[in-house]
Amino acid sequence: MSDNTVRQDILDELEFEPSLDATTVGVAVRDGVVTLTGWVESYSEKLTVERAVERIKGVRGIAQEIEVRPRDPNGPHDDEITQRAIAALRWSTMVPDGRIMVKVEHGRVTLMGTLDWAYQKRGALDLVRGLRGVIAVTDLIELAERVASKDVKTAIENALGRHAELEDRDVKVSVAGNRVTLDGRVASWRARRVVEEAAWSVAGVTEVTDQLIVG
């Protein structure tokens, strides 16, 4: 697939995405590696652009250079963002109360603490990413060490086998204690994300090293 075709498919996908105004986003493709430039009004829009690009066939890598420029330059100050983030986490049924500390500096949020499950961590990050005034999120959340199941490898492989979009996968799963390493090749960035999520979903897994090749 040519770079021009990949670029046009990306532009079409961005235009098709209903939650996004991508008129300020630039797209360049060279040897399957996509460089995204320009700006968007929120951090969640930046992530939406990236995930839209990941869905496109032929994308081998992404260089993310999009800036976040909030529409209102006099938007919420750091203390307001901090309060809103704490409140959002407190009201969430997914994230245990009092387990996450929030730090905000010039709109850049850092989340610290320890949680039990990867889905709780993803939930906390998603809550904060969507807040007004946030321009970046740094994830320093750790997962608590737990006794890993003896069948971690089997559980991950069974989870992968249930996904129709991974029929052409060539994935090797290695397990050392609570840590999982993924090697091999998948057809798309979306498939790579599915494999990662399958690994994180198994009880006891605290670290996933993704060495998968897309293409």
C-alpha atoms as a PDB file:
ATOM      1  CA  MET A   1       0.000   0.000   0.000  1.00  0.00           C
ATOM      2  CA  SER A   2       1.425   3.387  -1.014  1.00  0.00           C
ATOM      3  CA  ASP A   3       2.039   6.227   1.422  1.00  0.00           C
ATOM      4  CA  ASN A   4      -0.389   8.431  -0.536  1.00  0.00           C
ATOM      5  CA  THR A   5      -3.139   5.851  -0.111  1.00  0.00           C
ATOM      6  CA  VAL A   6      -2.472   5.536   3.618  1.00  0.00           C
ATOM      7  CA  ARG A   7      -2.494   9.313   4.006  1.00  0.00           C
ATOM      8  CA  GLN A   8      -5.795   9.672   2.166  1.00  0.00           C
ATOM      9  CA  ASP A   9      -7.363   6.897   4.243  1.00  0.00           C
ATOM     10  CA  ILE A  10      -6.246   8.701   7.404  1.00  0.00           C
ATOM     11  CA  LEU A  11      -7.705  12.012   6.221  1.00  0.00           C
ATOM     12  CA  ASP A  12     -10.986  10.284   5.361  1.00  0.00           C
ATOM     13  CA  GLU A  13     -11.099   8.590   8.778  1.00  0.00           C
ATOM     14  CA  LEU A  14     -10.440  11.862  10.606  1.00  0.00           C
ATOM     15  CA  GLU A  15     -13.159  13.592   8.625  1.00  0.00           C
ATOM     16  CA  PHE A  16     -15.540  10.712   9.357  1.00  0.00           C
ATOM     17  CA  GLU A  17     -14.890  10.840  13.143  1.00  0.00           C
ATOM     18  CA  PRO A  18     -17.955  12.676  14.571  1.00  0.00           C
ATOM     19  CA  SER A  19     -16.288  13.831  17.797  1.00  0.00           C
ATOM     20  CA  LEU A  20     -13.426  15.551  16.030  1.00  0.00           C
ATOM     21  CA  ASP A  21     -12.693  18.701  14.055  1.00  0.00           C
ATOM     22  CA  ALA A  22      -9.390  17.753  12.448  1.00  0.00           C
ATOM     23  CA  THR A  23      -9.059  20.750  10.123  1.00  0.00           C
ATOM     24  CA  THR A  24      -6.039  21.930  12.151  1.00  0.00           C
ATOM     25  CA  VAL A  25      -4.271  18.550  12.029  1.00  0.00           C
ATOM     26  CA  GLY A  26      -1.514  17.840   9.530  1.00  0.00           C
ATOM     27  CA  VAL A  27      -0.764  14.323   8.287  1.00  0.00           C
ATOM     28  CA  ALA A  28       2.422  13.137   6.574  1.00  0.00           C
ATOM     29  CA  VAL A  29       3.316   9.529   5.735  1.00  0.00           C
ATOM     30  CA  ARG A  30       6.690   8.078   4.831  1.00  0.00           C
ATOM     31  CA  ASP A  31       7.321   4.341   4.561  1.00  0.00           C
ATOM     32  CA  GLY A  32       4.184   3.692   6.602  1.00  0.00           C
ATOM     33  CA  VAL A  33       5.258   5.961   9.471  1.00  0.00           C
ATOM     34  CA  VAL A  34       2.687   8.697  10.118  1.00  0.00           C
ATOM     35  CA  THR A  35       3.690  12.108  11.474  1.00  0.00           C
ATOM     36  CA  LEU A  36       0.854  14.106  13.038  1.00  0.00           C
ATOM     37  CA  THR A  37       1.290  17.853  13.414  1.00  0.00           C
ATOM     38  CA  GLY A  38      -0.891  20.887  14.114  1.00  0.00           C
ATOM     39  CA  TRP A  39      -3.113  21.401  17.118  1.00  0.00           C
ATOM     40  CA  VAL A  40      -6.417  20.453  18.754  1.00  0.00           C
ATOM     41  CA  GLU A  41      -8.446  22.042  21.542  1.00  0.00           C
ATOM     42  CA  SER A  42      -8.268  19.231  24.127  1.00  0.00           C
ATOM     43  CA  TYR A  43      -6.136  16.318  25.199  1.00  0.00           C
ATOM     44  CA  SER A  44      -8.997  13.900  24.579  1.00  0.00           C
ATOM     45  CA  GLU A  45      -9.144  15.118  20.946  1.00  0.00           C
ATOM     46  CA  LYS A  46      -5.425  14.445  20.603  1.00  0.00           C
ATOM     47  CA  LEU A  47      -5.975  10.852  21.742  1.00  0.00           C
ATOM     48  CA  THR A  48      -8.968  10.510  19.394  1.00  0.00           C
ATOM     49  CA  VAL A  49      -6.776  11.499  16.439  1.00  0.00           C
ATOM     50  CA  GLU A  50      -4.129   8.976  17.438  1.00  0.00           C
ATOM     51  CA  ARG A  51      -6.627   6.142  17.831  1.00  0.00           C
ATOM     52  CA  ALA A  52      -8.251   6.974  14.495  1.00  0.00           C
ATOM     53  CA  VAL A  53      -4.857   6.696  12.805  1.00  0.00           C
ATOM     54  CA  GLU A  54      -4.201   3.364  14.528  1.00  0.00           C
ATOM     55  CA  ARG A  55      -7.287   1.929  12.823  1.00  0.00           C
ATOM     56  CA  ILE A  56      -5.882   2.491   9.331  1.00  0.00           C
ATOM     57  CA  LYS A  57      -4.373  -0.387   7.417  1.00  0.00           C
ATOM     58  CA  GLY A  58      -0.775   0.174   6.373  1.00  0.00           C
ATOM     59  CA  VAL A  59       0.222   2.328   9.353  1.00  0.00           C
ATOM     60  CA  ARG A  60       3.500   1.013  10.770  1.00  0.00           C
ATOM     61  CA  GLY A  61       4.312   3.758  13.255  1.00  0.00           C
ATOM     62  CA  ILE A  62       3.088   7.100  14.576  1.00  0.00           C
ATOM     63  CA  ALA A  63       5.077  10.235  15.435  1.00  0.00           C
ATOM     64  CA  GLN A  64       2.732  12.306  17.595  1.00  0.00           C
ATOM     65  CA  GLU A  65       3.571  16.038  17.415  1.00  0.00           C
ATOM     66  CA  ILE A  66       0.105  17.545  17.874  1.00  0.00           C
ATOM     67  CA  GLU A  67      -0.164  20.389  20.391  1.00  0.00           C
ATOM     68  CA  VAL A  68      -3.098  20.958  22.711  1.00  0.00           C
ATOM     69  CA  ARG A  69      -4.325  24.565  22.585  1.00  0.00           C
ATOM     70  CA  PRO A  70      -7.451  25.082  24.699  1.00  0.00           C
ATOM     71  CA  ARG A  71     -10.036  27.345  23.097  1.00  0.00           C
ATOM     72  CA  ASP A  72     -10.167  29.540  26.191  1.00  0.00           C
ATOM     73  CA  PRO A  73      -6.652  30.770  27.123  1.00  0.00           C
ATOM     74  CA  ASN A  74      -8.103  31.916  30.443  1.00  0.00           C
ATOM     75  CA  GLY A  75      -9.521  28.502  31.211  1.00  0.00           C
ATOM     76  CA  PRO A  76      -9.316  26.694  34.555  1.00  0.00           C
ATOM     77  CA  HIS A  77      -6.177  27.187  36.634  1.00  0.00           C
ATOM     78  CA  ASP A  78      -4.130  24.295  37.948  1.00  0.00           C
ATOM     79  CA  ASP A  79      -5.877  24.305  41.316  1.00  0.00           C
ATOM     80  CA  GLU A  80      -9.277  24.049  39.605  1.00  0.00           C
ATOM     81  CA  ILE A  81      -8.104  21.200  37.399  1.00  0.00           C
ATOM     82  CA  THR A  82      -6.718  19.432  40.469  1.00  0.00           C
ATOM     83  CA  GLN A  83     -10.005  19.775  42.342  1.00  0.00           C
ATOM     84  CA  ARG A  84     -12.004  18.524  39.360  1.00  0.00           C
ATOM     85  CA  ALA A  85      -9.687  15.556  38.867  1.00  0.00           C
ATOM     86  CA  ILE A  86      -9.924  14.581  42.543  1.00  0.00           C
ATOM     87  CA  ALA A  87     -13.705  14.908  42.448  1.00  0.00           C
ATOM     88  CA  ALA A  88     -13.978  12.828  39.262  1.00  0.00           C
ATOM     89  CA  LEU A  89     -11.861  10.064  40.782  1.00  0.00           C
ATOM     90  CA  ARG A  90     -13.800  10.176  44.055  1.00  0.00           C
ATOM     91  CA  TRP A  91     -17.156   9.784  42.303  1.00  0.00           C
ATOM     92  CA  SER A  92     -15.984   6.986  40.035  1.00  0.00           C
ATOM     93  CA  THR A  93     -17.265   3.504  40.855  1.00  0.00           C
ATOM     94  CA  MET A  94     -14.228   2.072  39.070  1.00  0.00           C
ATOM     95  CA  VAL A  95     -11.406   3.729  41.029  1.00  0.00           C
ATOM     96  CA  PRO A  96     -11.045   3.014  44.782  1.00  0.00           C
ATOM     97  CA  ASP A  97     -11.272   6.218  46.822  1.00  0.00           C
ATOM     98  CA  GLY A  98      -8.073   7.696  48.207  1.00  0.00           C
ATOM     99  CA  ARG A  99      -5.667   5.557  46.200  1.00  0.00           C
ATOM    100  CA  ILE A 100      -4.607   8.149  43.614  1.00  0.00           C
ATOM    101  CA  MET A 101      -2.752  11.431  44.147  1.00  0.00           C
ATOM    102  CA  VAL A 102      -3.111  14.203  41.571  1.00  0.00           C
ATOM    103  CA  LYS A 103      -0.472  16.764  40.626  1.00  0.00           C
ATOM    104  CA  VAL A 104      -1.087  19.520  38.061  1.00  0.00           C
ATOM    105  CA  GLU A 105       1.453  21.906  36.585  1.00  0.00           C
ATOM    106  CA  HIS A 106       0.510  24.245  33.723  1.00  0.00           C
ATOM    107  CA  GLY A 107      -2.334  21.948  32.690  1.00  0.00           C
ATOM    108  CA  ARG A 108      -0.153  18.848  32.744  1.00  0.00           C
ATOM    109  CA  VAL A 109      -1.590  16.248  35.099  1.00  0.00           C
ATOM    110  CA  THR A 110       0.432  13.552  36.852  1.00  0.00           C
ATOM    111  CA  LEU A 111      -1.373  10.640  38.509  1.00  0.00           C
ATOM    112  CA  MET A 112       0.443   8.691  41.227  1.00  0.00           C
ATOM    113  CA  GLY A 113      -0.525   5.851  43.531  1.00  0.00           C
ATOM    114  CA  THR A 114      -1.197   2.117  43.561  1.00  0.00           C
ATOM    115  CA  LEU A 115      -4.220   0.224  42.244  1.00  0.00           C
ATOM    116  CA  ASP A 116      -5.116  -3.456  42.123  1.00  0.00           C
ATOM    117  CA  TRP A 117      -6.280  -3.853  38.528  1.00  0.00           C
ATOM    118  CA  ALA A 118      -5.279  -2.540  35.106  1.00  0.00           C
ATOM    119  CA  TYR A 119      -8.908  -1.613  34.285  1.00  0.00           C
ATOM    120  CA  GLN A 120      -8.924   0.699  37.337  1.00  0.00           C
ATOM    121  CA  LYS A 121      -5.790   2.392  36.058  1.00  0.00           C
ATOM    122  CA  ARG A 122      -7.272   2.856  32.579  1.00  0.00           C
ATOM    123  CA  GLY A 123     -10.456   4.220  34.130  1.00  0.00           C
ATOM    124  CA  ALA A 124      -8.548   6.799  36.180  1.00  0.00           C
ATOM    125  CA  LEU A 125      -6.584   7.957  33.147  1.00  0.00           C
ATOM    126  CA  ASP A 126      -9.691   8.230  30.968  1.00  0.00           C
ATOM    127  CA  LEU A 127     -11.514  10.302  33.596  1.00  0.00           C
ATOM    128  CA  VAL A 128      -8.716  12.857  33.820  1.00  0.00           C
ATOM    129  CA  ARG A 129      -7.959  13.010  30.106  1.00  0.00           C
ATOM    130  CA  GLY A 130     -11.420  14.345  29.388  1.00  0.00           C
ATOM    131  CA  LEU A 131     -11.298  17.247  31.846  1.00  0.00           C
ATOM    132  CA  ARG A 132     -11.343  20.808  30.544  1.00  0.00           C
ATOM    133  CA  GLY A 133      -7.964  22.514  30.687  1.00  0.00           C
ATOM    134  CA  VAL A 134      -5.896  19.304  30.650  1.00  0.00           C
ATOM    135  CA  ILE A 135      -3.186  19.350  27.961  1.00  0.00           C
ATOM    136  CA  ALA A 136      -1.236  16.207  28.936  1.00  0.00           C
ATOM    137  CA  VAL A 137      -1.409  13.297  31.387  1.00  0.00           C
ATOM    138  CA  THR A 138       1.573  11.450  32.896  1.00  0.00           C
ATOM    139  CA  ASP A 139       0.822   7.992  34.260  1.00  0.00           C
ATOM    140  CA  LEU A 140       2.851   7.045  37.339  1.00  0.00           C
ATOM    141  CA  ILE A 141       0.204   4.680  38.726  1.00  0.00           C
ATOM    142  CA  GLU A 142       1.586   1.319  39.781  1.00  0.00           C
ATOM    143  CA  LEU A 143      -0.231  -1.982  40.136  1.00  0.00           C
ATOM    144  CA  ALA A 144       0.005  -3.825  43.425  1.00  0.00           C
ATOM    145  CA  GLU A 145       2.063  -6.990  43.454  1.00  0.00           C
ATOM    146  CA  ARG A 146      -0.246  -9.979  43.654  1.00  0.00           C
ATOM    147  CA  VAL A 147       0.191 -13.715  43.394  1.00  0.00           C
ATOM    148  CA  ALA A 148      -0.019 -14.412  39.687  1.00  0.00           C
ATOM    149  CA  SER A 149      -2.067 -17.315  38.460  1.00  0.00           C
ATOM    150  CA  LYS A 150      -0.066 -20.353  37.411  1.00  0.00           C
ATOM    151  CA  ASP A 151      -1.919 -20.284  34.116  1.00  0.00           C
ATOM    152  CA  VAL A 152      -1.241 -16.643  33.126  1.00  0.00           C
ATOM    153  CA  LYS A 153       0.196 -17.644  29.746  1.00  0.00           C
ATOM    154  CA  THR A 154      -2.740 -19.962  28.994  1.00  0.00           C
ATOM    155  CA  ALA A 155      -5.289 -17.371  30.132  1.00  0.00           C
ATOM    156  CA  ILE A 156      -3.799 -14.700  27.826  1.00  0.00           C
ATOM    157  CA  GLU A 157      -3.607 -17.068  24.853  1.00  0.00           C
ATOM    158  CA  ASN A 158      -7.229 -18.132  25.403  1.00  0.00           C
ATOM    159  CA  ALA A 159      -8.293 -14.476  25.539  1.00  0.00           C
ATOM    160  CA  LEU A 160      -6.497 -13.780  22.264  1.00  0.00           C
ATOM    161  CA  GLY A 161      -8.183 -16.768  20.659  1.00  0.00           C
ATOM    162  CA  ARG A 162     -11.617 -15.300  21.381  1.00  0.00           C
ATOM    163  CA  HIS A 163     -10.985 -12.201  19.239  1.00  0.00           C
ATOM    164  CA  ALA A 164     -11.969 -12.642  15.586  1.00  0.00           C
ATOM    165  CA  GLU A 165      -9.766  -9.724  14.483  1.00  0.00           C
ATOM    166  CA  LEU A 166      -6.695 -11.577  15.741  1.00  0.00           C
ATOM    167  CA  GLU A 167      -7.123 -14.627  13.521  1.00  0.00           C
ATOM    168  CA  ASP A 168      -3.984 -13.754  11.546  1.00  0.00           C
ATOM    169  CA  ARG A 169      -1.921 -12.974  14.601  1.00  0.00           C
ATOM    170  CA  ASP A 170       1.528 -14.388  15.248  1.00  0.00           C
ATOM    171  CA  VAL A 171       1.987 -13.570  18.923  1.00  0.00           C
ATOM    172  CA  LYS A 172       4.341 -15.189  21.414  1.00  0.00           C
ATOM    173  CA  VAL A 173       3.530 -14.743  25.107  1.00  0.00           C
ATOM    174  CA  SER A 174       6.295 -15.065  27.701  1.00  0.00           C
ATOM    175  CA  VAL A 175       5.629 -14.890  31.445  1.00  0.00           C
ATOM    176  CA  ALA A 176       8.082 -14.328  34.292  1.00  0.00           C
ATOM    177  CA  GLY A 177       6.302 -13.968  37.616  1.00  0.00           C
ATOM    178  CA  ASN A 178       3.935 -10.996  37.320  1.00  0.00           C
ATOM    179  CA  ARG A 179       5.537  -9.715  34.110  1.00  0.00           C
ATOM    180  CA  VAL A 180       4.405 -10.497  30.566  1.00  0.00           C
ATOM    181  CA  THR A 181       6.366  -9.984  27.342  1.00  0.00           C
ATOM    182  CA  LEU A 182       4.616  -9.938  23.964  1.00  0.00           C
ATOM    183  CA  ASP A 183       6.588 -10.716  20.799  1.00  0.00           C
ATOM    184  CA  GLY A 184       5.615 -11.378  17.210  1.00  0.00           C
ATOM    185  CA  ARG A 185       3.551  -9.644  14.553  1.00  0.00           C
ATOM    186  CA  VAL A 186      -0.016  -8.350  14.227  1.00  0.00           C
ATOM    187  CA  ALA A 187      -1.861  -6.883  11.260  1.00  0.00           C
ATOM    188  CA  SER A 188      -2.837  -3.497  12.724  1.00  0.00           C
ATOM    189  CA  TRP A 189      -2.362  -1.060  15.588  1.00  0.00           C
ATOM    190  CA  ARG A 190      -5.881  -1.875  16.716  1.00  0.00           C
ATOM    191  CA  ALA A 191      -4.903  -5.550  16.953  1.00  0.00           C
ATOM    192  CA  ARG A 192      -1.825  -4.593  18.943  1.00  0.00           C
ATOM    193  CA  ARG A 193      -3.996  -2.701  21.430  1.00  0.00           C
ATOM    194  CA  VAL A 194      -6.338  -5.712  21.750  1.00  0.00           C
ATOM    195  CA  VAL A 195      -3.396  -8.004  22.519  1.00  0.00           C
ATOM    196  CA  GLU A 196      -2.108  -5.599  25.181  1.00  0.00           C
ATOM    197  CA  GLU A 197      -5.530  -5.356  26.811  1.00  0.00           C
ATOM    198  CA  ALA A 198      -5.855  -9.132  26.852  1.00  0.00           C
ATOM    199  CA  ALA A 199      -2.535  -9.420  28.683  1.00  0.00           C
ATOM    200  CA  TRP A 200      -3.478  -6.717  31.216  1.00  0.00           C
ATOM    201  CA  SER A 201      -6.835  -8.372  31.916  1.00  0.00           C
ATOM    202  CA  VAL A 202      -5.317 -11.418  33.609  1.00  0.00           C
ATOM    203  CA  ALA A 203      -5.209 -11.352  37.415  1.00  0.00           C
ATOM    204  CA  GLY A 204      -1.746 -10.789  38.867  1.00  0.00           C
ATOM    205  CA  VAL A 205      -0.160  -9.147  35.820  1.00  0.00           C
ATOM    206  CA  THR A 206       1.654  -5.958  36.881  1.00  0.00           C
ATOM    207  CA  GLU A 207       3.803  -5.263  33.826  1.00  0.00           C
ATOM    208  CA  VAL A 208       3.381  -5.833  30.076  1.00  0.00           C
ATOM    209  CA  THR A 209       6.289  -5.302  27.684  1.00  0.00           C
ATOM    210  CA  ASP A 210       4.972  -4.928  24.148  1.00  0.00           C
ATOM    211  CA  GLN A 211       7.516  -5.839  21.464  1.00  0.00           C
ATOM    212  CA  LEU A 212       4.922  -6.559  18.785  1.00  0.00           C
ATOM    213  CA  ILE A 213       5.571  -5.511  15.195  1.00  0.00           C
ATOM    214  CA  VAL A 214       2.691  -4.042  13.189  1.00  0.00           C
ATOM    215  CA  GLY A 215       2.439  -4.987   9.527  1.00  0.00           C
END
